[in-house]
Every structure is written in structure tokens, then in C-alpha cells.
Amino acid sequence: MHVADAVHAVSSTMIVVQDVTYDYPGHRALDGVGFELPAASITALVGPNGAGKTTLLRTMAALEEPMEGHIFMNGLDIWETPRAAHRIMGYLPDHFGLYKDLSVRCCLLHAACARNFADDEAEEAVQWAARQVALEASLDDRAGTLSRGQRQRLALAQAIVHRPMVLLLDEPASGLDPQARADLSRLMKNLAAAGMTLLISSHILAELEDYCTAMLVLEQGRLLSHRRLETAHSNTSDIPSERTFRLRLAAGTESDLACRLSAWLSERHVRAEFAGEAVWTLTGVLDEAAQARLLRELASTWDVLEFMPQTRNLQEMYLQAFAARESGV
């Protein structure tokens, strides 16, 4: 899967959700939810069953109108200018429908024409979308004859046929085999690299961890946590943030090493925690230049055997959000 042409985002902050509240009869599904998402980011939307994830996605897709609050995409109020907002967004629900008697090509042509594409533009859009999800060889097959994974890919192609700035996905990997999930992961990263902003709900945390750059945690309709993820693929090195590193020094050096190292790092606004056997965990706000400078200074003072960034997986961060709530942090 690949993206042939870039999707150009206009605003650095693509999505703004302000104090959104939504009620079902006798139940508050969303309670004052608010957050901002930057352009070209991939955010995991996670939480227990019934947390409000699908309701949030449906309100952002302008399919459900909240009782209170506002939602902006690229500066557009989606309820004041819904047609303009729909032109820049794509949405794939968990339970999607396809026209089973139509070919893959006709399904995609229908989706493109529904977006007011001219005939020649629609055919180009169909070819592009089919290429992204590896369905070029199946364009003449009827949708009803496709496998579960192929139907999922067709539904995704319909959601991106107009190359939206914002893509909202509810359980997009449901029913996909491991290879198809790997292909989906590559597609998500390629779409973000081309400028799309993605918000993805899923229960498969290990899969989200492979490509998401931030995490939103919902619980009982409220935003429990919103944080950027420290991942090797996150293209956020230009934004200084608190990072964690593993430092290992040559064993058998001076006996007061722990005290000296801790004081030395403290002067550089870096915290040190001794992990045993000449290994320390260092934490501080360090961009790439600061990391390089710290390593040079460490190496000129001590025998450094290892210095590398540490990342916590999505499962750990997810559970930490609930632990912090329980402790009142």
C-alpha cells in the first residue's frame, strides 16, 4: 500500500473538540469532552466498552449532533458548514455496508460521484483508492464475493476516495488477518505522512502502538487522558518533550558513583533512578540536540556502555491512565 499524492493540510491544528456533551435517553454518553489534534497525526482512541468512543466518532463525523459543545476541522465548524466539513473528512464505522451486487469499481465510483467528482476525476480517484488498499486486481469483482478482509479494505477505500484531510476509523482492523493488519499499518503511516489526520478507535492496542503518535483515553464519556506517545516512528523530534533513557556505565567504578551521577545530571535538569548493575533510568525534557550533547558530556566523564531511548508500550500507558485516576493524580 502506498500514497501516490500528498494530501495538503492547511492548519497545524486540524481538529478541535470543545466541551462536547451527548445524551442518550437516560444515559450521558459524552460528558464535556475536549481536545485538539495536530495535522498529520495518528491518534489512538481507546477505552472500555461503553466509554463513548463510537459516539464521539459519530459526532465528529456529523452523524450525531451533540447537546453541547463545538467541533472544528481545519477551522470549519462541522455543524455550521456540514457540506464543507464532509468534503475534508472520511469516516469508516465499525459496522459498514456495501452494495453487494456492485463491482468494486462501481462501489468506488459511487463514493466518488457522491463527493461531486466529475466523470474523469472519479475514475482517477477510483484507481488511486484501489491502489492504496491493494484492490486493483479486484476492481471487476462484485463486492458480495469478496472475503471479509477485502470487504474491509473496500470500505476503507470508499472512505478515502476523495483524499480527505481527516480520517475517522472505528475498529478498522476488525476481521483482518495478520498480513492485512500489517498492510493497514503501513497505509495509516503513509496517509499521515501525506498530510491526513487520523483518529482510530480499536481494542487491539498492540496494533495501534505500531503507528499511532498520540492516545486519547475515554472512560464513562469523559476524557481520562490525552498524551503523545514516545515511539520510534513518531515524527515529533522537533517538539521537546519529557523522554526516558537507559544508561549503562562500566561496572566497578568509584563507590560514590550514584550520588555523583545524580548530582551531575540534576545540574542538567535530568532525573536519574538507579536500576541496578550499573544501569540508570534517565528522564528529562530533551530534544535531539540536547540528547547528543548529554551523551557527549557523559562519555567524556564516565565509561558509557549504553545510552538509548526507552519507550513504554500502549498497554502500559493505557493502564497507567486508569491507575492515575484511581490514585487521584
C-alpha atoms as a PDB file:
ATOM      1  CA  MET A   1       0.000   0.000   0.000  1.00  0.00           C
ATOM      2  CA  HIS A   2       1.244   3.456  -0.792  1.00  0.00           C
ATOM      3  CA  VAL A   3       0.062   7.014  -1.224  1.00  0.00           C
ATOM      4  CA  ALA A   4       0.749   8.482  -4.625  1.00  0.00           C
ATOM      5  CA  ASP A   5      -0.102  12.088  -3.994  1.00  0.00           C
ATOM      6  CA  ALA A   6       0.134  14.255  -0.907  1.00  0.00           C
ATOM      7  CA  VAL A   7      -2.944  15.454   0.944  1.00  0.00           C
ATOM      8  CA  HIS A   8      -2.177  19.027   1.901  1.00  0.00           C
ATOM      9  CA  ALA A   9      -3.311  20.201   5.319  1.00  0.00           C
ATOM     10  CA  VAL A  10      -3.872  23.913   5.810  1.00  0.00           C
ATOM     11  CA  SER A  11      -3.842  24.283   9.576  1.00  0.00           C
ATOM     12  CA  SER A  12      -1.257  22.936  12.041  1.00  0.00           C
ATOM     13  CA  THR A  13      -4.143  22.160  14.430  1.00  0.00           C
ATOM     14  CA  MET A  14      -6.541  20.097  12.344  1.00  0.00           C
ATOM     15  CA  ILE A  15      -9.188  19.002  14.864  1.00  0.00           C
ATOM     16  CA  VAL A  16     -10.591  20.959  17.802  1.00  0.00           C
ATOM     17  CA  VAL A  17     -13.258  19.381  20.025  1.00  0.00           C
ATOM     18  CA  GLN A  18     -14.685  21.716  22.662  1.00  0.00           C
ATOM     19  CA  ASP A  19     -16.784  20.560  25.643  1.00  0.00           C
ATOM     20  CA  VAL A  20     -18.845  18.056  23.670  1.00  0.00           C
ATOM     21  CA  THR A  21     -21.749  16.511  25.571  1.00  0.00           C
ATOM     22  CA  TYR A  22     -24.124  13.904  24.161  1.00  0.00           C
ATOM     23  CA  ASP A  23     -27.042  12.181  25.859  1.00  0.00           C
ATOM     24  CA  TYR A  24     -28.960   9.063  25.016  1.00  0.00           C
ATOM     25  CA  PRO A  25     -32.271   8.600  26.883  1.00  0.00           C
ATOM     26  CA  GLY A  26     -31.274   8.051  30.488  1.00  0.00           C
ATOM     27  CA  HIS A  27     -27.563   7.903  29.726  1.00  0.00           C
ATOM     28  CA  ARG A  28     -24.815  10.503  29.201  1.00  0.00           C
ATOM     29  CA  ALA A  29     -22.516   9.082  26.524  1.00  0.00           C
ATOM     30  CA  LEU A  30     -20.144  12.068  26.312  1.00  0.00           C
ATOM     31  CA  ASP A  31     -19.560  14.487  29.174  1.00  0.00           C
ATOM     32  CA  GLY A  32     -17.673  17.682  28.319  1.00  0.00           C
ATOM     33  CA  VAL A  33     -15.078  16.029  26.064  1.00  0.00           C
ATOM     34  CA  GLY A  34     -12.470  18.389  24.648  1.00  0.00           C
ATOM     35  CA  PHE A  35      -9.095  18.021  22.915  1.00  0.00           C
ATOM     36  CA  GLU A  36      -7.027  19.202  19.943  1.00  0.00           C
ATOM     37  CA  LEU A  37      -5.239  17.090  17.346  1.00  0.00           C
ATOM     38  CA  PRO A  38      -2.432  18.388  15.106  1.00  0.00           C
ATOM     39  CA  ALA A  39      -2.414  17.869  11.370  1.00  0.00           C
ATOM     40  CA  ALA A  40      -0.790  14.708  10.002  1.00  0.00           C
ATOM     41  CA  SER A  41      -1.045  12.909  13.352  1.00  0.00           C
ATOM     42  CA  ILE A  42      -2.414   9.433  14.112  1.00  0.00           C
ATOM     43  CA  THR A  43      -4.291   9.255  17.407  1.00  0.00           C
ATOM     44  CA  ALA A  44      -5.491   6.087  19.119  1.00  0.00           C
ATOM     45  CA  LEU A  45      -8.963   6.394  20.656  1.00  0.00           C
ATOM     46  CA  VAL A  46      -9.163   3.776  23.399  1.00  0.00           C
ATOM     47  CA  GLY A  47     -11.279   2.942  26.419  1.00  0.00           C
ATOM     48  CA  PRO A  48     -13.531   0.230  27.884  1.00  0.00           C
ATOM     49  CA  ASN A  49     -16.694  -0.902  26.138  1.00  0.00           C
ATOM     50  CA  GLY A  50     -19.355   1.761  26.587  1.00  0.00           C
ATOM     51  CA  ALA A  51     -16.797   4.537  27.156  1.00  0.00           C
ATOM     52  CA  GLY A  52     -18.261   6.661  24.334  1.00  0.00           C
ATOM     53  CA  LYS A  53     -15.707   6.049  21.568  1.00  0.00           C
ATOM     54  CA  THR A  54     -18.198   5.308  18.789  1.00  0.00           C
ATOM     55  CA  THR A  55     -20.476   8.146  19.880  1.00  0.00           C
ATOM     56  CA  LEU A  56     -17.532  10.544  19.781  1.00  0.00           C
ATOM     57  CA  LEU A  57     -16.579   9.413  16.272  1.00  0.00           C
ATOM     58  CA  ARG A  58     -20.180   9.757  15.079  1.00  0.00           C
ATOM     59  CA  THR A  59     -20.462  13.286  16.457  1.00  0.00           C
ATOM     60  CA  MET A  60     -17.153  14.196  14.802  1.00  0.00           C
ATOM     61  CA  ALA A  61     -18.465  12.717  11.534  1.00  0.00           C
ATOM     62  CA  ALA A  62     -21.530  14.999  11.863  1.00  0.00           C
ATOM     63  CA  LEU A  63     -23.848  11.994  12.110  1.00  0.00           C
ATOM     64  CA  GLU A  64     -24.935  12.779  15.671  1.00  0.00           C
ATOM     65  CA  GLU A  65     -25.400  16.359  16.880  1.00  0.00           C
ATOM     66  CA  PRO A  66     -24.139  16.919  20.444  1.00  0.00           C
ATOM     67  CA  MET A  67     -26.317  18.587  23.042  1.00  0.00           C
ATOM     68  CA  GLU A  68     -23.482  20.977  23.849  1.00  0.00           C
ATOM     69  CA  GLY A  69     -20.064  21.859  22.508  1.00  0.00           C
ATOM     70  CA  HIS A  70     -18.387  22.522  19.185  1.00  0.00           C
ATOM     71  CA  ILE A  71     -16.248  20.536  16.747  1.00  0.00           C
ATOM     72  CA  PHE A  72     -13.918  22.184  14.230  1.00  0.00           C
ATOM     73  CA  MET A  73     -11.979  20.570  11.401  1.00  0.00           C
ATOM     74  CA  ASN A  74      -9.392  22.707   9.659  1.00  0.00           C
ATOM     75  CA  GLY A  75     -11.148  25.737  11.150  1.00  0.00           C
ATOM     76  CA  LEU A  76     -14.620  24.703   9.921  1.00  0.00           C
ATOM     77  CA  ASP A  77     -17.473  24.316  12.414  1.00  0.00           C
ATOM     78  CA  ILE A  78     -18.857  20.968  11.238  1.00  0.00           C
ATOM     79  CA  TRP A  79     -22.426  21.877  12.206  1.00  0.00           C
ATOM     80  CA  GLU A  80     -22.430  25.372  10.731  1.00  0.00           C
ATOM     81  CA  THR A  81     -20.820  24.207   7.457  1.00  0.00           C
ATOM     82  CA  PRO A  82     -21.539  20.451   7.274  1.00  0.00           C
ATOM     83  CA  ARG A  83     -21.129  20.126   3.490  1.00  0.00           C
ATOM     84  CA  ALA A  84     -17.737  21.812   3.553  1.00  0.00           C
ATOM     85  CA  ALA A  85     -16.718  19.683   6.548  1.00  0.00           C
ATOM     86  CA  HIS A  86     -17.772  16.451   4.840  1.00  0.00           C
ATOM     87  CA  ARG A  87     -15.617  17.331   1.850  1.00  0.00           C
ATOM     88  CA  ILE A  88     -12.498  17.184   4.044  1.00  0.00           C
ATOM     89  CA  MET A  89     -13.383  14.163   6.198  1.00  0.00           C
ATOM     90  CA  GLY A  90     -13.715  10.423   5.730  1.00  0.00           C
ATOM     91  CA  TYR A  91     -15.440   8.037   8.134  1.00  0.00           C
ATOM     92  CA  LEU A  92     -15.378   4.252   8.393  1.00  0.00           C
ATOM     93  CA  PRO A  93     -17.815   2.870  11.002  1.00  0.00           C
ATOM     94  CA  ASP A  94     -17.346  -0.438  12.758  1.00  0.00           C
ATOM     95  CA  HIS A  95     -20.437  -1.888  11.062  1.00  0.00           C
ATOM     96  CA  PHE A  96     -20.256  -0.695   7.476  1.00  0.00           C
ATOM     97  CA  GLY A  97     -22.449  -1.506   4.496  1.00  0.00           C
ATOM     98  CA  LEU A  98     -21.545  -2.260   0.882  1.00  0.00           C
ATOM     99  CA  TYR A  99     -23.609  -2.606  -2.277  1.00  0.00           C
ATOM    100  CA  LYS A 100     -23.029  -6.346  -2.665  1.00  0.00           C
ATOM    101  CA  ASP A 101     -24.291  -6.575  -6.246  1.00  0.00           C
ATOM    102  CA  LEU A 102     -21.979  -3.800  -7.467  1.00  0.00           C
ATOM    103  CA  SER A 103     -18.406  -4.331  -8.546  1.00  0.00           C
ATOM    104  CA  VAL A 104     -15.562  -2.875  -6.533  1.00  0.00           C
ATOM    105  CA  ARG A 105     -15.109  -0.292  -9.279  1.00  0.00           C
ATOM    106  CA  CYS A 106     -18.781   0.739  -9.160  1.00  0.00           C
ATOM    107  CA  CYS A 107     -18.730   0.967  -5.343  1.00  0.00           C
ATOM    108  CA  LEU A 108     -15.785   3.327  -5.529  1.00  0.00           C
ATOM    109  CA  LEU A 109     -17.283   5.292  -8.444  1.00  0.00           C
ATOM    110  CA  HIS A 110     -20.471   5.730  -6.436  1.00  0.00           C
ATOM    111  CA  ALA A 111     -18.469   7.010  -3.449  1.00  0.00           C
ATOM    112  CA  ALA A 112     -16.516   9.413  -5.668  1.00  0.00           C
ATOM    113  CA  CYS A 113     -19.585  10.721  -7.504  1.00  0.00           C
ATOM    114  CA  ALA A 114     -21.335  11.254  -4.179  1.00  0.00           C
ATOM    115  CA  ARG A 115     -18.479  13.693  -3.477  1.00  0.00           C
ATOM    116  CA  ASN A 116     -19.296  15.596  -6.699  1.00  0.00           C
ATOM    117  CA  PHE A 117     -16.349  14.257  -8.700  1.00  0.00           C
ATOM    118  CA  ALA A 118     -16.583  14.738 -12.465  1.00  0.00           C
ATOM    119  CA  ASP A 119     -16.526  11.511 -14.515  1.00  0.00           C
ATOM    120  CA  ASP A 120     -12.841  11.735 -15.469  1.00  0.00           C
ATOM    121  CA  GLU A 121     -11.864  12.752 -11.940  1.00  0.00           C
ATOM    122  CA  ALA A 122     -13.959   9.927 -10.462  1.00  0.00           C
ATOM    123  CA  GLU A 123     -12.128   7.253 -12.471  1.00  0.00           C
ATOM    124  CA  GLU A 124      -8.764   8.649 -11.368  1.00  0.00           C
ATOM    125  CA  ALA A 125      -9.971   8.674  -7.753  1.00  0.00           C
ATOM    126  CA  VAL A 126     -11.119   5.047  -8.054  1.00  0.00           C
ATOM    127  CA  GLN A 127      -7.724   3.938  -9.333  1.00  0.00           C
ATOM    128  CA  TRP A 128      -5.936   5.845  -6.570  1.00  0.00           C
ATOM    129  CA  ALA A 129      -8.122   4.467  -3.753  1.00  0.00           C
ATOM    130  CA  ALA A 130      -7.925   0.891  -5.050  1.00  0.00           C
ATOM    131  CA  ARG A 131      -4.153   1.188  -5.210  1.00  0.00           C
ATOM    132  CA  GLN A 132      -3.921   2.264  -1.571  1.00  0.00           C
ATOM    133  CA  VAL A 133      -5.739  -0.830  -0.312  1.00  0.00           C
ATOM    134  CA  ALA A 134      -4.325  -3.291  -2.878  1.00  0.00           C
ATOM    135  CA  LEU A 135      -7.629  -3.950  -4.660  1.00  0.00           C
ATOM    136  CA  GLU A 136      -6.551  -3.078  -8.212  1.00  0.00           C
ATOM    137  CA  ALA A 137      -6.832  -6.731  -9.263  1.00  0.00           C
ATOM    138  CA  SER A 138     -10.363  -6.966  -7.825  1.00  0.00           C
ATOM    139  CA  LEU A 139     -11.958  -3.906  -9.428  1.00  0.00           C
ATOM    140  CA  ASP A 140     -14.298  -6.033 -11.556  1.00  0.00           C
ATOM    141  CA  ASP A 141     -15.284  -8.416  -8.732  1.00  0.00           C
ATOM    142  CA  ARG A 142     -18.662  -7.998  -7.085  1.00  0.00           C
ATOM    143  CA  ALA A 143     -18.460  -6.689  -3.531  1.00  0.00           C
ATOM    144  CA  GLY A 144     -20.584  -9.594  -2.311  1.00  0.00           C
ATOM    145  CA  THR A 145     -17.962 -12.123  -3.449  1.00  0.00           C
ATOM    146  CA  LEU A 146     -15.078 -10.537  -1.550  1.00  0.00           C
ATOM    147  CA  SER A 147     -13.532 -12.023   1.572  1.00  0.00           C
ATOM    148  CA  ARG A 148     -14.071 -10.365   4.959  1.00  0.00           C
ATOM    149  CA  GLY A 149     -10.689  -8.668   4.755  1.00  0.00           C
ATOM    150  CA  GLN A 150     -11.273  -7.477   1.189  1.00  0.00           C
ATOM    151  CA  ARG A 151     -14.649  -6.007   2.141  1.00  0.00           C
ATOM    152  CA  GLN A 152     -12.947  -4.139   4.969  1.00  0.00           C
ATOM    153  CA  ARG A 153     -10.379  -2.763   2.532  1.00  0.00           C
ATOM    154  CA  LEU A 154     -13.107  -1.737   0.074  1.00  0.00           C
ATOM    155  CA  ALA A 155     -14.950   0.129   2.821  1.00  0.00           C
ATOM    156  CA  LEU A 156     -11.719   1.908   3.741  1.00  0.00           C
ATOM    157  CA  ALA A 157     -11.107   2.789   0.088  1.00  0.00           C
ATOM    158  CA  GLN A 158     -14.587   4.353  -0.060  1.00  0.00           C
ATOM    159  CA  ALA A 159     -13.730   6.451   2.999  1.00  0.00           C
ATOM    160  CA  ILE A 160     -10.537   7.836   1.444  1.00  0.00           C
ATOM    161  CA  VAL A 161     -11.542   8.034  -2.241  1.00  0.00           C
ATOM    162  CA  HIS A 162     -11.776  11.847  -2.014  1.00  0.00           C
ATOM    163  CA  ARG A 163      -8.416  12.112  -0.189  1.00  0.00           C
ATOM    164  CA  PRO A 164      -9.782  13.738   2.960  1.00  0.00           C
ATOM    165  CA  MET A 165      -7.764  15.833   5.398  1.00  0.00           C
ATOM    166  CA  VAL A 166      -9.350  13.985   8.345  1.00  0.00           C
ATOM    167  CA  LEU A 167      -9.997  10.240   8.561  1.00  0.00           C
ATOM    168  CA  LEU A 168     -12.110   8.760  11.379  1.00  0.00           C
ATOM    169  CA  LEU A 169     -11.888   4.972  11.746  1.00  0.00           C
ATOM    170  CA  ASP A 170     -13.882   2.760  14.124  1.00  0.00           C
ATOM    171  CA  GLU A 171     -12.225  -0.665  14.575  1.00  0.00           C
ATOM    172  CA  PRO A 172     -10.641  -0.690  11.083  1.00  0.00           C
ATOM    173  CA  ALA A 173      -8.667  -3.907  11.683  1.00  0.00           C
ATOM    174  CA  SER A 174     -11.680  -5.957  12.733  1.00  0.00           C
ATOM    175  CA  GLY A 175     -11.633  -9.262  10.875  1.00  0.00           C
ATOM    176  CA  LEU A 176      -8.289  -8.718   9.167  1.00  0.00           C
ATOM    177  CA  ASP A 177      -5.587 -11.394   9.105  1.00  0.00           C
ATOM    178  CA  PRO A 178      -2.053 -10.580  10.344  1.00  0.00           C
ATOM    179  CA  GLN A 179      -0.740  -9.715   6.872  1.00  0.00           C
ATOM    180  CA  ALA A 180      -3.716  -7.455   6.166  1.00  0.00           C
ATOM    181  CA  ARG A 181      -3.165  -5.732   9.515  1.00  0.00           C
ATOM    182  CA  ALA A 182       0.472  -5.138   8.642  1.00  0.00           C
ATOM    183  CA  ASP A 183      -0.643  -3.652   5.312  1.00  0.00           C
ATOM    184  CA  LEU A 184      -3.165  -1.470   7.142  1.00  0.00           C
ATOM    185  CA  SER A 185      -0.430  -0.241   9.488  1.00  0.00           C
ATOM    186  CA  ARG A 186       1.716   0.813   6.544  1.00  0.00           C
ATOM    187  CA  LEU A 187      -1.243   2.553   4.925  1.00  0.00           C
ATOM    188  CA  MET A 188      -2.033   4.511   8.104  1.00  0.00           C
ATOM    189  CA  LYS A 189       1.544   5.774   8.315  1.00  0.00           C
ATOM    190  CA  ASN A 190       1.608   6.639   4.615  1.00  0.00           C
ATOM    191  CA  LEU A 191      -1.655   8.574   4.831  1.00  0.00           C
ATOM    192  CA  ALA A 192      -0.364  10.577   7.804  1.00  0.00           C
ATOM    193  CA  ALA A 193       2.918  11.214   6.015  1.00  0.00           C
ATOM    194  CA  ALA A 194       0.891  12.593   3.096  1.00  0.00           C
ATOM    195  CA  GLY A 195      -0.898  15.015   5.418  1.00  0.00           C
ATOM    196  CA  MET A 196      -4.038  13.230   6.647  1.00  0.00           C
ATOM    197  CA  THR A 197      -5.041  13.465  10.305  1.00  0.00           C
ATOM    198  CA  LEU A 198      -6.290  10.132  11.631  1.00  0.00           C
ATOM    199  CA  LEU A 199      -8.337   9.244  14.714  1.00  0.00           C
ATOM    200  CA  ILE A 200      -8.599   5.467  15.138  1.00  0.00           C
ATOM    201  CA  SER A 201     -10.677   3.532  17.655  1.00  0.00           C
ATOM    202  CA  SER A 202      -9.551  -0.029  18.313  1.00  0.00           C
ATOM    203  CA  HIS A 203      -9.288  -2.643  21.053  1.00  0.00           C
ATOM    204  CA  ILE A 204      -6.079  -4.046  19.548  1.00  0.00           C
ATOM    205  CA  LEU A 205      -3.597  -1.911  21.465  1.00  0.00           C
ATOM    206  CA  ALA A 206      -0.510  -3.679  20.138  1.00  0.00           C
ATOM    207  CA  GLU A 207      -1.589  -2.847  16.599  1.00  0.00           C
ATOM    208  CA  LEU A 208      -2.282   0.826  17.399  1.00  0.00           C
ATOM    209  CA  GLU A 209       1.121   1.068  19.037  1.00  0.00           C
ATOM    210  CA  ASP A 210       2.765   0.343  15.691  1.00  0.00           C
ATOM    211  CA  TYR A 211       1.597   3.557  14.058  1.00  0.00           C
ATOM    212  CA  CYS A 212      -0.154   5.938  16.465  1.00  0.00           C
ATOM    213  CA  THR A 213       1.543   9.126  17.627  1.00  0.00           C
ATOM    214  CA  ALA A 214      -0.892  10.006  20.441  1.00  0.00           C
ATOM    215  CA  MET A 215      -3.512   8.386  22.654  1.00  0.00           C
ATOM    216  CA  LEU A 216      -6.946   9.537  23.829  1.00  0.00           C
ATOM    217  CA  VAL A 217      -8.466   7.520  26.676  1.00  0.00           C
ATOM    218  CA  LEU A 218     -12.204   7.744  27.327  1.00  0.00           C
ATOM    219  CA  GLU A 219     -13.994   6.365  30.366  1.00  0.00           C
ATOM    220  CA  GLN A 220     -17.723   6.718  31.011  1.00  0.00           C
ATOM    221  CA  GLY A 221     -17.964   9.511  28.473  1.00  0.00           C
ATOM    222  CA  ARG A 222     -15.148  11.599  29.910  1.00  0.00           C
ATOM    223  CA  LEU A 223     -11.652  12.223  28.658  1.00  0.00           C
ATOM    224  CA  LEU A 224      -9.378  10.401  31.071  1.00  0.00           C
ATOM    225  CA  SER A 225      -6.051  11.028  29.344  1.00  0.00           C
ATOM    226  CA  HIS A 226      -4.609  12.636  26.213  1.00  0.00           C
ATOM    227  CA  ARG A 227      -0.903  12.220  25.664  1.00  0.00           C
ATOM    228  CA  ARG A 228       1.623  11.891  22.905  1.00  0.00           C
ATOM    229  CA  LEU A 229       3.279   8.512  22.540  1.00  0.00           C
ATOM    230  CA  GLU A 230       7.035   8.046  22.653  1.00  0.00           C
ATOM    231  CA  THR A 231       7.570   5.813  19.652  1.00  0.00           C
ATOM    232  CA  ALA A 232      10.426   5.335  17.281  1.00  0.00           C
ATOM    233  CA  HIS A 233       8.250   6.229  14.289  1.00  0.00           C
ATOM    234  CA  SER A 234       6.743   9.390  15.784  1.00  0.00           C
ATOM    235  CA  ASN A 235       7.862  12.349  13.718  1.00  0.00           C
ATOM    236  CA  THR A 236       7.883  14.726  16.667  1.00  0.00           C
ATOM    237  CA  SER A 237      11.567  15.203  17.448  1.00  0.00           C
ATOM    238  CA  ASP A 238      11.230  18.919  16.762  1.00  0.00           C
ATOM    239  CA  ILE A 239       8.906  19.271  19.768  1.00  0.00           C
ATOM    240  CA  PRO A 240      10.816  18.964  23.079  1.00  0.00           C
ATOM    241  CA  SER A 241       9.077  16.622  25.497  1.00  0.00           C
ATOM    242  CA  GLU A 242       9.958  14.539  28.512  1.00  0.00           C
ATOM    243  CA  ARG A 243      11.823  11.442  27.390  1.00  0.00           C
ATOM    244  CA  THR A 244      13.220   8.438  29.214  1.00  0.00           C
ATOM    245  CA  PHE A 245      16.624   6.854  28.505  1.00  0.00           C
ATOM    246  CA  ARG A 246      18.534   3.789  29.660  1.00  0.00           C
ATOM    247  CA  LEU A 247      22.112   4.497  30.697  1.00  0.00           C
ATOM    248  CA  ARG A 248      24.622   1.729  31.445  1.00  0.00           C
ATOM    249  CA  LEU A 249      28.116   2.520  32.661  1.00  0.00           C
ATOM    250  CA  ALA A 250      31.151   0.305  33.096  1.00  0.00           C
ATOM    251  CA  ALA A 251      30.828  -1.573  36.380  1.00  0.00           C
ATOM    252  CA  GLY A 252      33.342  -1.316  39.183  1.00  0.00           C
ATOM    253  CA  THR A 253      33.935   2.428  39.086  1.00  0.00           C
ATOM    254  CA  GLU A 254      34.020   4.686  42.154  1.00  0.00           C
ATOM    255  CA  SER A 255      31.810   3.745  45.089  1.00  0.00           C
ATOM    256  CA  ASP A 256      30.029   7.094  45.259  1.00  0.00           C
ATOM    257  CA  LEU A 257      29.092   6.966  41.572  1.00  0.00           C
ATOM    258  CA  ALA A 258      25.339   7.001  42.185  1.00  0.00           C
ATOM    259  CA  CYS A 259      25.462  10.195  44.250  1.00  0.00           C
ATOM    260  CA  ARG A 260      27.883  11.927  41.900  1.00  0.00           C
ATOM    261  CA  LEU A 261      25.962  10.966  38.773  1.00  0.00           C
ATOM    262  CA  SER A 262      22.635  12.010  40.250  1.00  0.00           C
ATOM    263  CA  ALA A 263      24.003  15.428  41.255  1.00  0.00           C
ATOM    264  CA  TRP A 264      25.736  15.867  37.891  1.00  0.00           C
ATOM    265  CA  LEU A 265      22.539  15.089  35.977  1.00  0.00           C
ATOM    266  CA  SER A 266      20.437  17.260  38.262  1.00  0.00           C
ATOM    267  CA  GLU A 267      22.524  20.258  37.229  1.00  0.00           C
ATOM    268  CA  ARG A 268      21.428  19.483  33.668  1.00  0.00           C
ATOM    269  CA  HIS A 269      17.744  19.128  34.656  1.00  0.00           C
ATOM    270  CA  VAL A 270      17.758  15.365  34.172  1.00  0.00           C
ATOM    271  CA  ARG A 271      16.453  12.955  36.817  1.00  0.00           C
ATOM    272  CA  ALA A 272      18.287   9.692  37.463  1.00  0.00           C
ATOM    273  CA  GLU A 273      16.949   6.499  39.019  1.00  0.00           C
ATOM    274  CA  PHE A 274      19.325   3.637  39.785  1.00  0.00           C
ATOM    275  CA  ALA A 275      18.023   0.379  38.258  1.00  0.00           C
ATOM    276  CA  GLY A 276      20.854  -1.871  39.496  1.00  0.00           C
ATOM    277  CA  GLU A 277      24.020  -3.350  37.978  1.00  0.00           C
ATOM    278  CA  ALA A 278      25.414  -0.014  36.756  1.00  0.00           C
ATOM    279  CA  VAL A 279      22.155   0.809  34.929  1.00  0.00           C
ATOM    280  CA  TRP A 280      20.216   4.058  35.377  1.00  0.00           C
ATOM    281  CA  THR A 281      16.926   5.357  34.024  1.00  0.00           C
ATOM    282  CA  LEU A 282      17.259   9.000  32.997  1.00  0.00           C
ATOM    283  CA  THR A 283      14.250  11.291  32.483  1.00  0.00           C
ATOM    284  CA  GLY A 284      14.219  14.838  31.167  1.00  0.00           C
ATOM    285  CA  VAL A 285      12.922  17.239  28.527  1.00  0.00           C
ATOM    286  CA  LEU A 286      15.430  16.573  25.769  1.00  0.00           C
ATOM    287  CA  ASP A 287      15.213  17.229  22.050  1.00  0.00           C
ATOM    288  CA  GLU A 288      17.682  15.503  19.706  1.00  0.00           C
ATOM    289  CA  ALA A 289      20.346  18.204  20.099  1.00  0.00           C
ATOM    290  CA  ALA A 290      20.110  18.023  23.901  1.00  0.00           C
ATOM    291  CA  GLN A 291      20.348  14.229  23.792  1.00  0.00           C
ATOM    292  CA  ALA A 292      23.513  14.381  21.699  1.00  0.00           C
ATOM    293  CA  ARG A 293      25.049  16.990  23.993  1.00  0.00           C
ATOM    294  CA  LEU A 294      24.226  14.976  27.107  1.00  0.00           C
ATOM    295  CA  LEU A 295      25.757  11.835  25.630  1.00  0.00           C
ATOM    296  CA  ARG A 296      28.982  13.663  24.725  1.00  0.00           C
ATOM    297  CA  GLU A 297      29.290  15.064  28.234  1.00  0.00           C
ATOM    298  CA  LEU A 298      28.532  11.695  29.830  1.00  0.00           C
ATOM    299  CA  ALA A 299      31.101   9.932  27.660  1.00  0.00           C
ATOM    300  CA  SER A 300      33.765  12.499  28.495  1.00  0.00           C
ATOM    301  CA  THR A 301      33.249  11.920  32.237  1.00  0.00           C
ATOM    302  CA  TRP A 302      32.343   8.222  32.598  1.00  0.00           C
ATOM    303  CA  ASP A 303      32.743   4.986  30.662  1.00  0.00           C
ATOM    304  CA  VAL A 304      29.377   4.808  28.876  1.00  0.00           C
ATOM    305  CA  LEU A 305      28.468   1.357  27.565  1.00  0.00           C
ATOM    306  CA  GLU A 306      24.854   2.076  26.589  1.00  0.00           C
ATOM    307  CA  PHE A 307      22.640   5.134  26.109  1.00  0.00           C
ATOM    308  CA  MET A 308      19.298   4.621  24.394  1.00  0.00           C
ATOM    309  CA  PRO A 309      15.740   5.994  24.497  1.00  0.00           C
ATOM    310  CA  GLN A 310      13.130   3.923  26.273  1.00  0.00           C
ATOM    311  CA  THR A 311       9.501   3.667  25.249  1.00  0.00           C
ATOM    312  CA  ARG A 312       6.534   2.345  27.125  1.00  0.00           C
ATOM    313  CA  ASN A 313       4.034   0.302  25.153  1.00  0.00           C
ATOM    314  CA  LEU A 314       0.464   1.433  24.662  1.00  0.00           C
ATOM    315  CA  GLN A 315      -0.895  -1.177  27.061  1.00  0.00           C
ATOM    316  CA  GLU A 316       1.286   0.164  29.893  1.00  0.00           C
ATOM    317  CA  MET A 317       0.285   3.766  29.212  1.00  0.00           C
ATOM    318  CA  TYR A 318      -3.382   2.805  28.965  1.00  0.00           C
ATOM    319  CA  LEU A 319      -3.301   1.043  32.331  1.00  0.00           C
ATOM    320  CA  GLN A 320      -1.298   3.918  33.814  1.00  0.00           C
ATOM    321  CA  ALA A 321      -4.080   6.344  32.888  1.00  0.00           C
ATOM    322  CA  PHE A 322      -6.577   4.315  34.942  1.00  0.00           C
ATOM    323  CA  ALA A 323      -4.101   3.879  37.803  1.00  0.00           C
ATOM    324  CA  ALA A 324      -3.579   7.649  37.917  1.00  0.00           C
ATOM    325  CA  ARG A 325      -7.333   8.165  38.099  1.00  0.00           C
ATOM    326  CA  GLU A 326      -7.644   5.676  40.964  1.00  0.00           C
ATOM    327  CA  SER A 327      -4.849   7.413  42.906  1.00  0.00           C
ATOM    328  CA  GLY A 328      -6.289  10.862  42.195  1.00  0.00           C
ATOM    329  CA  VAL A 329      -3.179  12.039  40.303  1.00  0.00           C
END
